[in-house]
Amino acid sequence: MDKIAVLIPCYNESKTIKKVVEDFCRELPEAAIYVYDNNSTDGTAVIARAAGAVVRIERHQGKGNVIRRMFREIDAQVYVMVDGDDTYPAEAAPEMVRRILEEQADMVVGDRLSSTYYTENKRPFHNFGNSFVKNCINRFFDTDIQDIMTGYRAFSFPFVKTFPVLSRGFEIETEMSIHAADKHMQVDNVIIEYRDRPEGSESKLNTFSDGFKVLTRILNLYKNYKPFSFFSLLSSVLAALGIGFLIPVIMEYVKTGLVPKFPTLIVCCFVLAASLQSFFAGLVLQSIEQKNKQDFEMLLIQVQEIYEHKCKSGEGM
């Protein structure tokens, strides 16, 4: 088991990976630096290995796939995850590690949005998207994470070994934030100085397609983690539509004793039935989610025991 593992997922970062590896070697000399290459074609893996990193390969394309393999393969007391594009300062890493080791944080977020992100980042839709996603998640999940989509984070061993990686791409950061909020894990924010990519280094993100994936992921996770709230809202919308169209039919019947809009009546009845079904579906799924949370707490206890055993035995250290 490593004391500190720096995890760097990479795809075609040959222009920056050498500096990133060297910076983290300088700031965290006791850390093991792992670069996971995701089918790069520009020699990223060769450069990273020459700079002193342990290089491994993940053939399944997508950042989520890379992180799944990282979390599965590596044991460490503290994990520091950072992108290989040299936009995050290695100088912040010691403080992030300290929050995990000394203050028992489960996840430490490198907060770009409270410092230089909006001035350094030249893509206005990215700026809007980050703020929008942050506000949505903090509102839906009653948390206070200041930068939802940052690629610079530190994790505890229990977080890494109990986090189910489901996303395949860049939605993974959003999934991490929601998981931490839903499971009541301790999340700290460390303000960092963000810098835009150096000239010649291009972002892999597509503002609109990846933004749509993130929003879809938020909605899906909200449904999974808060099923009663989700289906109650759906039930309310269906009930409002059903009653809204039903009222004129009833009023006409009261006045004339006739139902000239019989198809409308039938549709309204089906919509109201769907509303009732959605409400009870939310109740059932909420009970299942409560059981899942109980099971997770037991799993967390088991993982904590494994972690303490490995620390005491000094395995791999």
C-alpha atoms as a PDB file:
ATOM      1  CA  MET A   1       0.000   0.000   0.000  1.00  0.00           C
ATOM      2  CA  ASP A   2       1.331   3.418  -0.964  1.00  0.00           C
ATOM      3  CA  LYS A   3       1.102   6.292   1.473  1.00  0.00           C
ATOM      4  CA  ILE A   4       0.187   8.703  -1.334  1.00  0.00           C
ATOM      5  CA  ALA A   5      -0.749   7.790  -4.890  1.00  0.00           C
ATOM      6  CA  VAL A   6      -0.996  10.480  -7.546  1.00  0.00           C
ATOM      7  CA  LEU A   7      -3.352   9.308 -10.301  1.00  0.00           C
ATOM      8  CA  ILE A   8      -3.076  10.973 -13.709  1.00  0.00           C
ATOM      9  CA  PRO A   9      -5.501   9.813 -16.430  1.00  0.00           C
ATOM     10  CA  CYS A  10      -4.120  10.805 -19.834  1.00  0.00           C
ATOM     11  CA  TYR A  11      -5.129  10.928 -23.457  1.00  0.00           C
ATOM     12  CA  ASN A  12      -2.736  12.685 -25.848  1.00  0.00           C
ATOM     13  CA  GLU A  13      -1.052  14.964 -23.298  1.00  0.00           C
ATOM     14  CA  SER A  14       2.516  14.761 -24.622  1.00  0.00           C
ATOM     15  CA  LYS A  15       3.015  18.542 -24.421  1.00  0.00           C
ATOM     16  CA  THR A  16       2.282  18.753 -20.704  1.00  0.00           C
ATOM     17  CA  ILE A  17       2.651  15.356 -19.031  1.00  0.00           C
ATOM     18  CA  LYS A  18       6.398  15.697 -18.322  1.00  0.00           C
ATOM     19  CA  LYS A  19       5.889  18.928 -16.374  1.00  0.00           C
ATOM     20  CA  VAL A  20       2.895  17.525 -14.467  1.00  0.00           C
ATOM     21  CA  VAL A  21       4.831  14.432 -13.357  1.00  0.00           C
ATOM     22  CA  GLU A  22       7.893  16.465 -12.365  1.00  0.00           C
ATOM     23  CA  ASP A  23       5.794  19.024 -10.441  1.00  0.00           C
ATOM     24  CA  PHE A  24       4.096  16.355  -8.351  1.00  0.00           C
ATOM     25  CA  CYS A  25       7.358  14.520  -7.751  1.00  0.00           C
ATOM     26  CA  ARG A  26       8.708  17.797  -6.356  1.00  0.00           C
ATOM     27  CA  GLU A  27       5.697  18.666  -4.187  1.00  0.00           C
ATOM     28  CA  LEU A  28       4.999  15.100  -2.989  1.00  0.00           C
ATOM     29  CA  PRO A  29       8.385  13.342  -2.985  1.00  0.00           C
ATOM     30  CA  GLU A  30       6.979  10.408  -0.968  1.00  0.00           C
ATOM     31  CA  ALA A  31       4.188   9.764  -3.485  1.00  0.00           C
ATOM     32  CA  ALA A  32       3.967   7.120  -6.177  1.00  0.00           C
ATOM     33  CA  ILE A  33       3.018   8.746  -9.497  1.00  0.00           C
ATOM     34  CA  TYR A  34       0.747   6.664 -11.723  1.00  0.00           C
ATOM     35  CA  VAL A  35      -0.046   7.678 -15.297  1.00  0.00           C
ATOM     36  CA  TYR A  36      -2.827   5.691 -16.942  1.00  0.00           C
ATOM     37  CA  ASP A  37      -2.620   6.133 -20.693  1.00  0.00           C
ATOM     38  CA  ASN A  38      -5.940   5.881 -22.528  1.00  0.00           C
ATOM     39  CA  ASN A  39      -4.874   4.975 -26.093  1.00  0.00           C
ATOM     40  CA  SER A  40      -2.708   8.052 -26.694  1.00  0.00           C
ATOM     41  CA  THR A  41      -1.134   8.335 -30.136  1.00  0.00           C
ATOM     42  CA  ASP A  42       1.379  11.104 -29.410  1.00  0.00           C
ATOM     43  CA  GLY A  43       3.882   9.307 -27.179  1.00  0.00           C
ATOM     44  CA  THR A  44       2.388  10.406 -23.857  1.00  0.00           C
ATOM     45  CA  ALA A  45       3.199   7.082 -22.182  1.00  0.00           C
ATOM     46  CA  VAL A  46       6.874   7.164 -23.219  1.00  0.00           C
ATOM     47  CA  ILE A  47       7.340  10.714 -21.968  1.00  0.00           C
ATOM     48  CA  ALA A  48       5.591   9.978 -18.652  1.00  0.00           C
ATOM     49  CA  ARG A  49       7.724   6.899 -18.036  1.00  0.00           C
ATOM     50  CA  ALA A  50      10.912   8.852 -18.759  1.00  0.00           C
ATOM     51  CA  ALA A  51       9.788  11.531 -16.288  1.00  0.00           C
ATOM     52  CA  GLY A  52       9.580   8.941 -13.504  1.00  0.00           C
ATOM     53  CA  ALA A  53       5.945   7.857 -13.493  1.00  0.00           C
ATOM     54  CA  VAL A  54       4.605   4.319 -13.320  1.00  0.00           C
ATOM     55  CA  VAL A  55       2.730   3.965 -16.610  1.00  0.00           C
ATOM     56  CA  ARG A  56      -0.194   1.633 -17.147  1.00  0.00           C
ATOM     57  CA  ILE A  57      -2.573   1.261 -20.074  1.00  0.00           C
ATOM     58  CA  GLU A  58      -6.375   1.341 -20.166  1.00  0.00           C
ATOM     59  CA  ARG A  59      -7.729   0.285 -23.565  1.00  0.00           C
ATOM     60  CA  HIS A  60     -11.398   1.146 -22.942  1.00  0.00           C
ATOM     61  CA  GLN A  61     -11.782   4.741 -24.058  1.00  0.00           C
ATOM     62  CA  GLY A  62     -13.170   7.273 -21.608  1.00  0.00           C
ATOM     63  CA  LYS A  63     -12.081   8.956 -18.391  1.00  0.00           C
ATOM     64  CA  GLY A  64     -14.596   6.999 -16.336  1.00  0.00           C
ATOM     65  CA  ASN A  65     -13.131   3.722 -17.588  1.00  0.00           C
ATOM     66  CA  VAL A  66      -9.629   4.883 -16.657  1.00  0.00           C
ATOM     67  CA  ILE A  67     -10.635   5.894 -13.140  1.00  0.00           C
ATOM     68  CA  ARG A  68     -12.468   2.602 -12.631  1.00  0.00           C
ATOM     69  CA  ARG A  69      -9.241   0.723 -13.303  1.00  0.00           C
ATOM     70  CA  MET A  70      -7.155   3.106 -11.181  1.00  0.00           C
ATOM     71  CA  PHE A  71      -9.411   2.736  -8.158  1.00  0.00           C
ATOM     72  CA  ARG A  72      -9.535  -1.019  -8.555  1.00  0.00           C
ATOM     73  CA  GLU A  73      -5.796  -1.605  -8.938  1.00  0.00           C
ATOM     74  CA  ILE A  74      -4.147   0.858  -6.542  1.00  0.00           C
ATOM     75  CA  ASP A  75      -4.120   0.790  -2.730  1.00  0.00           C
ATOM     76  CA  ALA A  76      -3.061   3.955  -0.916  1.00  0.00           C
ATOM     77  CA  GLN A  77      -3.776   5.910   2.241  1.00  0.00           C
ATOM     78  CA  VAL A  78      -4.408   9.020   0.137  1.00  0.00           C
ATOM     79  CA  TYR A  79      -5.226   9.331  -3.552  1.00  0.00           C
ATOM     80  CA  VAL A  80      -4.612  12.547  -5.479  1.00  0.00           C
ATOM     81  CA  MET A  81      -6.310  12.643  -8.874  1.00  0.00           C
ATOM     82  CA  VAL A  82      -5.248  15.292 -11.374  1.00  0.00           C
ATOM     83  CA  ASP A  83      -5.533  15.809 -15.117  1.00  0.00           C
ATOM     84  CA  GLY A  84      -2.419  15.631 -17.253  1.00  0.00           C
ATOM     85  CA  ASP A  85      -3.019  18.977 -18.991  1.00  0.00           C
ATOM     86  CA  ASP A  86      -1.050  21.171 -16.535  1.00  0.00           C
ATOM     87  CA  THR A  87      -4.041  23.335 -15.598  1.00  0.00           C
ATOM     88  CA  TYR A  88      -3.893  22.465 -11.885  1.00  0.00           C
ATOM     89  CA  PRO A  89      -1.082  23.553  -9.521  1.00  0.00           C
ATOM     90  CA  ALA A  90       0.852  20.785  -7.807  1.00  0.00           C
ATOM     91  CA  GLU A  91       1.565  23.243  -4.977  1.00  0.00           C
ATOM     92  CA  ALA A  92      -1.948  22.668  -3.611  1.00  0.00           C
ATOM     93  CA  ALA A  93      -1.452  18.908  -3.267  1.00  0.00           C
ATOM     94  CA  PRO A  94       0.219  18.867   0.198  1.00  0.00           C
ATOM     95  CA  GLU A  95      -2.717  20.750   1.728  1.00  0.00           C
ATOM     96  CA  MET A  96      -5.204  18.421   0.052  1.00  0.00           C
ATOM     97  CA  VAL A  97      -3.301  15.398   1.390  1.00  0.00           C
ATOM     98  CA  ARG A  98      -3.223  16.938   4.872  1.00  0.00           C
ATOM     99  CA  ARG A  99      -7.011  17.327   4.870  1.00  0.00           C
ATOM    100  CA  ILE A 100      -7.360  13.582   4.217  1.00  0.00           C
ATOM    101  CA  LEU A 101      -4.740  12.383   6.710  1.00  0.00           C
ATOM    102  CA  GLU A 102      -5.236  14.845   9.561  1.00  0.00           C
ATOM    103  CA  GLU A 103      -8.825  16.051   9.240  1.00  0.00           C
ATOM    104  CA  GLN A 104     -10.352  12.745   8.091  1.00  0.00           C
ATOM    105  CA  ALA A 105     -11.920  14.215   4.956  1.00  0.00           C
ATOM    106  CA  ASP A 106     -13.271  11.656   2.501  1.00  0.00           C
ATOM    107  CA  MET A 107     -12.904  13.861  -0.574  1.00  0.00           C
ATOM    108  CA  VAL A 108     -11.066  17.157  -1.053  1.00  0.00           C
ATOM    109  CA  VAL A 109     -12.091  19.239  -4.042  1.00  0.00           C
ATOM    110  CA  GLY A 110      -9.645  21.529  -5.833  1.00  0.00           C
ATOM    111  CA  ASP A 111     -11.912  24.566  -6.190  1.00  0.00           C
ATOM    112  CA  ARG A 112     -11.152  26.506  -9.382  1.00  0.00           C
ATOM    113  CA  LEU A 113     -14.362  28.498  -9.492  1.00  0.00           C
ATOM    114  CA  SER A 114     -13.559  30.577  -6.393  1.00  0.00           C
ATOM    115  CA  SER A 115     -10.278  31.823  -7.837  1.00  0.00           C
ATOM    116  CA  THR A 116      -9.035  32.322 -11.414  1.00  0.00           C
ATOM    117  CA  TYR A 117     -11.184  29.958 -13.484  1.00  0.00           C
ATOM    118  CA  TYR A 118     -13.541  32.538 -14.977  1.00  0.00           C
ATOM    119  CA  THR A 119     -10.684  34.767 -16.125  1.00  0.00           C
ATOM    120  CA  GLU A 120      -8.287  32.037 -17.283  1.00  0.00           C
ATOM    121  CA  ASN A 121     -10.830  29.896 -19.116  1.00  0.00           C
ATOM    122  CA  LYS A 122     -11.599  31.437 -22.501  1.00  0.00           C
ATOM    123  CA  ARG A 123     -14.672  29.247 -23.199  1.00  0.00           C
ATOM    124  CA  PRO A 124     -17.738  31.156 -21.946  1.00  0.00           C
ATOM    125  CA  PHE A 125     -20.137  28.217 -22.266  1.00  0.00           C
ATOM    126  CA  HIS A 126     -17.812  26.141 -20.064  1.00  0.00           C
ATOM    127  CA  ASN A 127     -17.976  28.888 -17.430  1.00  0.00           C
ATOM    128  CA  PHE A 128     -21.775  28.963 -17.550  1.00  0.00           C
ATOM    129  CA  GLY A 129     -21.980  25.156 -17.536  1.00  0.00           C
ATOM    130  CA  ASN A 130     -19.773  24.792 -14.453  1.00  0.00           C
ATOM    131  CA  SER A 131     -21.819  27.319 -12.485  1.00  0.00           C
ATOM    132  CA  PHE A 132     -25.109  25.791 -13.603  1.00  0.00           C
ATOM    133  CA  VAL A 133     -24.089  22.242 -12.685  1.00  0.00           C
ATOM    134  CA  LYS A 134     -22.722  23.387  -9.310  1.00  0.00           C
ATOM    135  CA  ASN A 135     -25.944  25.180  -8.425  1.00  0.00           C
ATOM    136  CA  CYS A 136     -28.122  22.250  -9.550  1.00  0.00           C
ATOM    137  CA  ILE A 137     -26.281  19.649  -7.499  1.00  0.00           C
ATOM    138  CA  ASN A 138     -25.945  21.805  -4.381  1.00  0.00           C
ATOM    139  CA  ARG A 139     -29.680  22.503  -4.530  1.00  0.00           C
ATOM    140  CA  PHE A 140     -30.843  18.968  -5.367  1.00  0.00           C
ATOM    141  CA  PHE A 141     -28.542  17.197  -2.891  1.00  0.00           C
ATOM    142  CA  ASP A 142     -28.309  19.847  -0.150  1.00  0.00           C
ATOM    143  CA  THR A 143     -24.528  20.132  -0.211  1.00  0.00           C
ATOM    144  CA  ASP A 144     -21.911  22.875  -0.559  1.00  0.00           C
ATOM    145  CA  ILE A 145     -19.336  21.623  -3.059  1.00  0.00           C
ATOM    146  CA  GLN A 146     -17.833  24.675  -4.732  1.00  0.00           C
ATOM    147  CA  ASP A 147     -16.522  23.034  -7.911  1.00  0.00           C
ATOM    148  CA  ILE A 148     -18.450  19.991  -9.120  1.00  0.00           C
ATOM    149  CA  MET A 149     -16.532  19.274 -12.319  1.00  0.00           C
ATOM    150  CA  THR A 150     -12.948  19.878 -11.263  1.00  0.00           C
ATOM    151  CA  GLY A 151     -10.459  17.190 -12.227  1.00  0.00           C
ATOM    152  CA  TYR A 152      -8.269  17.887  -9.184  1.00  0.00           C
ATOM    153  CA  ARG A 153      -9.319  15.923  -6.098  1.00  0.00           C
ATOM    154  CA  ALA A 154      -7.958  13.943  -3.189  1.00  0.00           C
ATOM    155  CA  PHE A 155      -9.667  10.873  -1.736  1.00  0.00           C
ATOM    156  CA  SER A 156      -9.464   8.626   1.279  1.00  0.00           C
ATOM    157  CA  PHE A 157      -9.077   4.860   0.973  1.00  0.00           C
ATOM    158  CA  PRO A 158     -12.687   4.183   2.100  1.00  0.00           C
ATOM    159  CA  PHE A 159     -14.071   6.577  -0.503  1.00  0.00           C
ATOM    160  CA  VAL A 160     -12.142   4.991  -3.359  1.00  0.00           C
ATOM    161  CA  LYS A 161     -12.969   1.419  -2.406  1.00  0.00           C
ATOM    162  CA  THR A 162     -16.695   2.061  -1.947  1.00  0.00           C
ATOM    163  CA  PHE A 163     -17.294   4.348  -4.929  1.00  0.00           C
ATOM    164  CA  PRO A 164     -19.160   2.551  -7.748  1.00  0.00           C
ATOM    165  CA  VAL A 165     -17.847   3.971 -11.028  1.00  0.00           C
ATOM    166  CA  LEU A 166     -20.716   3.868 -13.511  1.00  0.00           C
ATOM    167  CA  SER A 167     -19.856   6.678 -15.928  1.00  0.00           C
ATOM    168  CA  ARG A 168     -17.575   6.038 -18.873  1.00  0.00           C
ATOM    169  CA  GLY A 169     -16.583   9.610 -19.715  1.00  0.00           C
ATOM    170  CA  PHE A 170     -16.191  13.095 -18.265  1.00  0.00           C
ATOM    171  CA  GLU A 171     -19.413  12.786 -16.248  1.00  0.00           C
ATOM    172  CA  ILE A 172     -17.330  10.927 -13.657  1.00  0.00           C
ATOM    173  CA  GLU A 173     -16.555  14.096 -11.637  1.00  0.00           C
ATOM    174  CA  THR A 174     -20.251  14.850 -11.311  1.00  0.00           C
ATOM    175  CA  GLU A 175     -20.895  11.284 -10.200  1.00  0.00           C
ATOM    176  CA  MET A 176     -18.195  11.542  -7.517  1.00  0.00           C
ATOM    177  CA  SER A 177     -19.692  14.738  -6.120  1.00  0.00           C
ATOM    178  CA  ILE A 178     -23.223  13.349  -5.971  1.00  0.00           C
ATOM    179  CA  HIS A 179     -22.040  10.086  -4.396  1.00  0.00           C
ATOM    180  CA  ALA A 180     -20.193  11.981  -1.655  1.00  0.00           C
ATOM    181  CA  ALA A 181     -23.208  14.216  -0.972  1.00  0.00           C
ATOM    182  CA  ASP A 182     -25.700  11.361  -0.900  1.00  0.00           C
ATOM    183  CA  LYS A 183     -23.573   9.196   1.412  1.00  0.00           C
ATOM    184  CA  HIS A 184     -22.924  12.095   3.836  1.00  0.00           C
ATOM    185  CA  MET A 185     -19.174  11.908   3.368  1.00  0.00           C
ATOM    186  CA  GLN A 186     -16.933  14.723   4.559  1.00  0.00           C
ATOM    187  CA  VAL A 187     -16.075  16.944   1.604  1.00  0.00           C
ATOM    188  CA  ASP A 188     -13.588  19.821   1.919  1.00  0.00           C
ATOM    189  CA  ASN A 189     -12.906  22.575  -0.598  1.00  0.00           C
ATOM    190  CA  VAL A 190      -9.378  23.866  -1.213  1.00  0.00           C
ATOM    191  CA  ILE A 191      -9.174  26.964  -3.401  1.00  0.00           C
ATOM    192  CA  ILE A 192      -6.601  26.546  -6.167  1.00  0.00           C
ATOM    193  CA  GLU A 193      -5.201  28.802  -8.863  1.00  0.00           C
ATOM    194  CA  TYR A 194      -6.425  27.538 -12.212  1.00  0.00           C
ATOM    195  CA  ARG A 195      -4.493  28.181 -15.405  1.00  0.00           C
ATOM    196  CA  ASP A 196      -5.704  27.584 -18.925  1.00  0.00           C
ATOM    197  CA  ARG A 197      -4.069  24.975 -21.107  1.00  0.00           C
ATOM    198  CA  PRO A 198      -0.698  25.994 -22.578  1.00  0.00           C
ATOM    199  CA  GLU A 199      -0.544  26.804 -26.261  1.00  0.00           C
ATOM    200  CA  GLY A 200      -0.684  23.697 -28.436  1.00  0.00           C
ATOM    201  CA  SER A 201      -2.577  21.649 -25.846  1.00  0.00           C
ATOM    202  CA  GLU A 202      -6.205  21.085 -26.792  1.00  0.00           C
ATOM    203  CA  SER A 203      -9.156  20.186 -24.569  1.00  0.00           C
ATOM    204  CA  LYS A 204     -10.927  16.871 -25.199  1.00  0.00           C
ATOM    205  CA  LEU A 205     -14.237  18.281 -23.928  1.00  0.00           C
ATOM    206  CA  ASN A 206     -17.056  19.190 -26.272  1.00  0.00           C
ATOM    207  CA  THR A 207     -19.048  21.973 -24.656  1.00  0.00           C
ATOM    208  CA  PHE A 208     -22.493  20.894 -25.834  1.00  0.00           C
ATOM    209  CA  SER A 209     -22.346  17.108 -26.201  1.00  0.00           C
ATOM    210  CA  ASP A 210     -20.426  16.559 -22.946  1.00  0.00           C
ATOM    211  CA  GLY A 211     -22.565  19.172 -21.209  1.00  0.00           C
ATOM    212  CA  PHE A 212     -25.694  17.304 -22.267  1.00  0.00           C
ATOM    213  CA  LYS A 213     -24.210  14.040 -20.940  1.00  0.00           C
ATOM    214  CA  VAL A 214     -23.475  15.683 -17.582  1.00  0.00           C
ATOM    215  CA  LEU A 215     -27.010  17.085 -17.252  1.00  0.00           C
ATOM    216  CA  THR A 216     -28.503  13.728 -18.225  1.00  0.00           C
ATOM    217  CA  ARG A 217     -26.293  12.050 -15.632  1.00  0.00           C
ATOM    218  CA  ILE A 218     -27.423  14.480 -12.923  1.00  0.00           C
ATOM    219  CA  LEU A 219     -31.072  13.770 -13.701  1.00  0.00           C
ATOM    220  CA  ASN A 220     -30.478  10.010 -13.710  1.00  0.00           C
ATOM    221  CA  LEU A 221     -28.587  10.087 -10.411  1.00  0.00           C
ATOM    222  CA  TYR A 222     -31.252  12.291  -8.843  1.00  0.00           C
ATOM    223  CA  LYS A 223     -33.806   9.652  -9.826  1.00  0.00           C
ATOM    224  CA  ASN A 224     -31.661   6.873  -8.355  1.00  0.00           C
ATOM    225  CA  TYR A 225     -30.563   8.587  -5.154  1.00  0.00           C
ATOM    226  CA  LYS A 226     -33.787  10.501  -4.375  1.00  0.00           C
ATOM    227  CA  PRO A 227     -36.536   8.416  -5.969  1.00  0.00           C
ATOM    228  CA  PHE A 228     -39.380   9.705  -3.788  1.00  0.00           C
ATOM    229  CA  SER A 229     -38.593  13.344  -4.606  1.00  0.00           C
ATOM    230  CA  PHE A 230     -38.203  12.552  -8.310  1.00  0.00           C
ATOM    231  CA  PHE A 231     -41.377  10.503  -8.693  1.00  0.00           C
ATOM    232  CA  SER A 232     -43.386  12.826  -6.436  1.00  0.00           C
ATOM    233  CA  LEU A 233     -42.469  15.686  -8.735  1.00  0.00           C
ATOM    234  CA  LEU A 234     -43.430  13.609 -11.766  1.00  0.00           C
ATOM    235  CA  SER A 235     -46.680  12.632 -10.029  1.00  0.00           C
ATOM    236  CA  SER A 236     -47.476  16.288  -9.301  1.00  0.00           C
ATOM    237  CA  VAL A 237     -46.903  17.316 -12.921  1.00  0.00           C
ATOM    238  CA  LEU A 238     -49.121  14.509 -14.221  1.00  0.00           C
ATOM    239  CA  ALA A 239     -51.816  15.303 -11.646  1.00  0.00           C
ATOM    240  CA  ALA A 240     -51.784  18.978 -12.590  1.00  0.00           C
ATOM    241  CA  LEU A 241     -52.143  18.132 -16.296  1.00  0.00           C
ATOM    242  CA  GLY A 242     -54.880  15.590 -15.674  1.00  0.00           C
ATOM    243  CA  ILE A 243     -56.913  17.841 -13.397  1.00  0.00           C
ATOM    244  CA  GLY A 244     -56.355  20.879 -15.615  1.00  0.00           C
ATOM    245  CA  PHE A 245     -57.912  19.181 -18.650  1.00  0.00           C
ATOM    246  CA  LEU A 246     -60.547  17.381 -16.567  1.00  0.00           C
ATOM    247  CA  ILE A 247     -62.070  20.496 -14.996  1.00  0.00           C
ATOM    248  CA  PRO A 248     -63.656  21.812 -18.256  1.00  0.00           C
ATOM    249  CA  VAL A 249     -65.142  18.356 -18.925  1.00  0.00           C
ATOM    250  CA  ILE A 250     -66.689  18.218 -15.429  1.00  0.00           C
ATOM    251  CA  MET A 251     -68.003  21.773 -15.678  1.00  0.00           C
ATOM    252  CA  GLU A 252     -69.657  20.951 -19.018  1.00  0.00           C
ATOM    253  CA  TYR A 253     -71.204  17.848 -17.495  1.00  0.00           C
ATOM    254  CA  VAL A 254     -72.575  19.830 -14.514  1.00  0.00           C
ATOM    255  CA  LYS A 255     -74.167  22.388 -16.851  1.00  0.00           C
ATOM    256  CA  THR A 256     -75.585  20.077 -19.541  1.00  0.00           C
ATOM    257  CA  GLY A 257     -75.451  16.551 -18.156  1.00  0.00           C
ATOM    258  CA  LEU A 258     -73.429  15.582 -21.247  1.00  0.00           C
ATOM    259  CA  VAL A 259     -69.787  14.699 -21.902  1.00  0.00           C
ATOM    260  CA  PRO A 260     -69.100  15.958 -25.431  1.00  0.00           C
ATOM    261  CA  LYS A 261     -65.303  15.542 -24.984  1.00  0.00           C
ATOM    262  CA  PHE A 262     -65.313  11.893 -24.063  1.00  0.00           C
ATOM    263  CA  PRO A 263     -61.785  11.163 -25.432  1.00  0.00           C
ATOM    264  CA  THR A 264     -60.438  13.965 -23.199  1.00  0.00           C
ATOM    265  CA  LEU A 265     -62.096  12.343 -20.187  1.00  0.00           C
ATOM    266  CA  ILE A 266     -60.490   8.983 -20.971  1.00  0.00           C
ATOM    267  CA  VAL A 267     -57.026  10.524 -21.414  1.00  0.00           C
ATOM    268  CA  CYS A 268     -57.385  12.481 -18.155  1.00  0.00           C
ATOM    269  CA  CYS A 269     -58.270   9.306 -16.275  1.00  0.00           C
ATOM    270  CA  PHE A 270     -55.168   7.549 -17.635  1.00  0.00           C
ATOM    271  CA  VAL A 271     -52.967  10.543 -16.744  1.00  0.00           C
ATOM    272  CA  LEU A 272     -54.314  10.654 -13.190  1.00  0.00           C
ATOM    273  CA  ALA A 273     -53.784   6.907 -12.877  1.00  0.00           C
ATOM    274  CA  ALA A 274     -50.191   7.381 -14.042  1.00  0.00           C
ATOM    275  CA  SER A 275     -49.779  10.133 -11.448  1.00  0.00           C
ATOM    276  CA  LEU A 276     -50.945   7.805  -8.689  1.00  0.00           C
ATOM    277  CA  GLN A 277     -48.701   5.029  -9.959  1.00  0.00           C
ATOM    278  CA  SER A 278     -45.679   7.374  -9.997  1.00  0.00           C
ATOM    279  CA  PHE A 279     -46.338   8.396  -6.408  1.00  0.00           C
ATOM    280  CA  PHE A 280     -46.442   4.815  -5.130  1.00  0.00           C
ATOM    281  CA  ALA A 281     -43.425   3.876  -7.266  1.00  0.00           C
ATOM    282  CA  GLY A 282     -41.513   6.635  -5.483  1.00  0.00           C
ATOM    283  CA  LEU A 283     -42.544   5.233  -2.095  1.00  0.00           C
ATOM    284  CA  VAL A 284     -41.376   1.723  -2.982  1.00  0.00           C
ATOM    285  CA  LEU A 285     -38.091   2.864  -4.509  1.00  0.00           C
ATOM    286  CA  GLN A 286     -37.380   5.131  -1.543  1.00  0.00           C
ATOM    287  CA  SER A 287     -37.622   2.109   0.746  1.00  0.00           C
ATOM    288  CA  ILE A 288     -35.171   0.240  -1.482  1.00  0.00           C
ATOM    289  CA  GLU A 289     -32.812   3.221  -1.473  1.00  0.00           C
ATOM    290  CA  GLN A 290     -32.955   3.345   2.321  1.00  0.00           C
ATOM    291  CA  LYS A 291     -31.942  -0.320   2.443  1.00  0.00           C
ATOM    292  CA  ASN A 292     -29.093   0.407   0.016  1.00  0.00           C
ATOM    293  CA  LYS A 293     -27.833   3.141   2.342  1.00  0.00           C
ATOM    294  CA  GLN A 294     -27.886   0.749   5.274  1.00  0.00           C
ATOM    295  CA  ASP A 295     -25.925  -1.811   3.255  1.00  0.00           C
ATOM    296  CA  PHE A 296     -23.439   0.887   2.231  1.00  0.00           C
ATOM    297  CA  GLU A 297     -22.789   1.813   5.861  1.00  0.00           C
ATOM    298  CA  MET A 298     -21.974  -1.819   6.641  1.00  0.00           C
ATOM    299  CA  LEU A 299     -19.665  -1.974   3.604  1.00  0.00           C
ATOM    300  CA  LEU A 300     -17.952   1.213   4.789  1.00  0.00           C
ATOM    301  CA  ILE A 301     -17.227  -0.399   8.147  1.00  0.00           C
ATOM    302  CA  GLN A 302     -15.701  -3.433   6.436  1.00  0.00           C
ATOM    303  CA  VAL A 303     -13.530  -1.292   4.150  1.00  0.00           C
ATOM    304  CA  GLN A 304     -12.355   0.792   7.115  1.00  0.00           C
ATOM    305  CA  GLU A 305     -11.290  -2.383   8.901  1.00  0.00           C
ATOM    306  CA  ILE A 306      -9.356  -3.522   5.812  1.00  0.00           C
ATOM    307  CA  TYR A 307      -7.686  -0.109   5.604  1.00  0.00           C
ATOM    308  CA  GLU A 308      -6.630  -0.160   9.260  1.00  0.00           C
ATOM    309  CA  HIS A 309      -5.286  -3.697   8.910  1.00  0.00           C
ATOM    310  CA  LYS A 310      -3.194  -2.732   5.871  1.00  0.00           C
ATOM    311  CA  CYS A 311      -1.858   0.353   7.627  1.00  0.00           C
ATOM    312  CA  LYS A 312      -0.868  -1.630  10.717  1.00  0.00           C
ATOM    313  CA  SER A 313       0.794  -4.385   8.718  1.00  0.00           C
ATOM    314  CA  GLY A 314       2.613  -1.850   6.549  1.00  0.00           C
ATOM    315  CA  GLU A 315       1.612  -3.758   3.435  1.00  0.00           C
ATOM    316  CA  GLY A 316       3.431  -2.426   0.399  1.00  0.00           C
ATOM    317  CA  MET A 317       4.902   0.549   2.315  1.00  0.00           C
END
